């Protein structure tokens, strides 16, 4: 026998020798608010499973899962960009191009156009 007093009650043997299920009992899992009301409402929905037999948990879990996936999907939605005139405007002129050739240097090492 076990000395644990907080353990879940064991199923009792029925008249026909089979086991009878124990009544549903809350698990006592703490739910910490996320700060997002829609997500918090979905997480609170998990408490509904505390009062259902195990075969009813799946419906609750699937419902909560669907809702959480929907919330995550909404975070990935494309957000509208800035409207015209609401942000800085890009420059309209292009910068001055850099020379593509090196000036010819004379024997003194100075560019030809600076020789005297």
Protein backbone atom coordinates (compact mmCIF):
# COMPACT_ATOMS: atom_id res chain seq x y z
CA UNK A 1 0.00 0.00 0.00
CA UNK A 2 1.03 3.58 -0.55
CA UNK A 3 1.40 6.30 2.06
CA UNK A 4 0.57 9.03 -0.47
CA UNK A 5 -2.62 10.82 0.57
CA UNK A 6 -2.87 13.28 -2.36
CA UNK A 7 -3.05 10.58 -5.01
CA UNK A 8 -6.12 10.32 -7.19
CA UNK A 9 -8.72 7.88 -5.89
CA UNK A 10 -8.44 4.45 -7.42
CA UNK A 11 -11.24 2.91 -9.40
CA UNK A 12 -13.33 0.45 -7.42
CA UNK A 13 -14.19 -3.03 -8.55
CA UNK A 14 -17.78 -3.32 -9.69
CA UNK A 15 -20.19 -6.19 -9.01
CA UNK A 16 -19.16 -7.95 -12.21
CA UNK A 17 -15.44 -7.78 -11.37
CA UNK A 18 -14.78 -4.86 -13.81
CA UNK A 19 -13.65 -1.45 -12.65
CA UNK A 20 -15.98 1.50 -12.28
CA UNK A 21 -14.56 4.88 -13.29
CA UNK A 22 -14.01 7.45 -10.58
CA UNK A 23 -15.87 10.76 -10.84
CA UNK A 24 -13.99 13.55 -12.65
CA UNK A 25 -11.81 15.71 -10.41
CA UNK A 26 -9.98 18.98 -11.16
CA UNK A 27 -6.26 18.59 -11.73
CA UNK A 28 -5.50 21.89 -10.02
CA UNK A 29 -3.28 23.19 -12.82
CA UNK A 30 -2.66 26.92 -12.38
CA UNK A 31 -3.42 29.02 -15.45
CA UNK A 32 -1.31 32.18 -15.65
CA UNK A 33 -2.86 35.09 -17.60
CA UNK A 34 -1.02 35.95 -20.82
CA UNK A 35 -2.29 39.52 -21.12
CA UNK A 36 -4.14 38.69 -24.34
CA UNK A 37 -7.86 38.41 -23.52
CA UNK A 38 -8.68 36.02 -26.38
CA UNK A 39 -5.86 33.65 -25.44
CA UNK A 40 -6.73 33.85 -21.74
CA UNK A 41 -10.35 32.94 -22.51
CA UNK A 42 -9.20 29.90 -24.48
CA UNK A 43 -6.90 28.77 -21.68
CA UNK A 44 -9.74 29.15 -19.16
CA UNK A 45 -11.79 26.85 -21.40
CA UNK A 46 -9.35 24.08 -20.40
CA UNK A 47 -10.98 24.14 -16.95
CA UNK A 48 -14.09 22.64 -18.59
CA UNK A 49 -12.17 19.38 -18.93
CA UNK A 50 -11.85 19.19 -15.13
CA UNK A 51 -15.53 18.29 -14.82
CA UNK A 52 -15.73 15.83 -17.72
CA UNK A 53 -14.85 12.16 -17.88
CA UNK A 54 -11.60 11.46 -19.74
CA UNK A 55 -13.39 10.64 -23.00
CA UNK A 56 -14.83 14.19 -23.02
CA UNK A 57 -11.42 15.88 -22.74
CA UNK A 58 -10.60 15.49 -26.42
CA UNK A 59 -13.40 17.81 -27.56
CA UNK A 60 -12.25 20.52 -25.14
CA UNK A 61 -8.58 20.16 -26.09
CA UNK A 62 -9.34 20.25 -29.82
CA UNK A 63 -11.53 23.34 -29.39
CA UNK A 64 -8.81 25.16 -27.44
CA UNK A 65 -6.15 24.05 -29.92
CA UNK A 66 -8.20 25.40 -32.85
CA UNK A 67 -8.65 28.72 -31.08
CA UNK A 68 -4.96 29.06 -30.22
CA UNK A 69 -3.95 28.24 -33.81
CA UNK A 70 -6.36 30.91 -35.02
CA UNK A 71 -4.82 33.45 -32.64
CA UNK A 72 -1.32 32.59 -33.85
CA UNK A 73 -2.41 32.82 -37.48
CA UNK A 74 -3.85 36.28 -36.85
CA UNK A 75 -0.43 37.40 -35.59
CA UNK A 76 1.08 36.38 -38.93
CA UNK A 77 -1.46 38.35 -40.94
CA UNK A 78 0.02 40.99 -43.21
CA UNK A 79 -0.19 44.34 -41.52
CA UNK A 80 -0.89 47.35 -43.74
CA UNK A 81 2.13 49.46 -44.63
CA UNK A 82 2.35 53.24 -44.28
CA UNK A 83 -0.07 55.32 -46.27
CA UNK A 84 1.32 57.75 -48.86
CA UNK A 85 2.53 60.93 -47.21
CA UNK A 86 2.69 59.40 -43.73
CA UNK A 87 6.40 58.63 -43.65
CA UNK A 88 9.71 59.97 -44.89
CA UNK A 89 9.96 60.29 -48.64
CA UNK A 90 12.84 58.67 -50.49
CA UNK A 91 15.28 60.97 -52.30
CA UNK A 92 14.18 61.85 -55.83
CA UNK A 93 17.62 62.51 -57.32
CA UNK A 94 20.30 59.90 -57.72
CA UNK A 95 23.71 60.50 -56.16
CA UNK A 96 26.54 61.79 -58.34
CA UNK A 97 28.21 58.83 -60.02
CA UNK A 98 31.83 58.11 -59.20
CA UNK A 99 34.41 58.28 -62.01
CA UNK A 100 34.98 54.94 -63.63
CA UNK A 101 38.54 55.62 -64.85
CA UNK A 102 41.72 56.62 -63.11
CA UNK A 103 43.22 59.91 -64.34
CA UNK A 104 46.39 59.51 -66.37
CA UNK A 105 49.49 60.36 -64.35
CA UNK A 106 52.59 61.91 -65.81
CA UNK A 107 56.24 61.09 -65.00
CA UNK A 108 56.08 63.16 -61.81
CA UNK A 109 53.16 61.06 -60.54
CA UNK A 110 50.78 64.02 -60.75
CA UNK A 111 47.65 63.83 -62.91
CA UNK A 112 48.18 65.25 -66.41
CA UNK A 113 45.70 68.07 -65.92
CA UNK A 114 47.69 69.36 -62.88
CA UNK A 115 51.12 69.41 -64.58
CA UNK A 116 52.66 72.79 -65.13
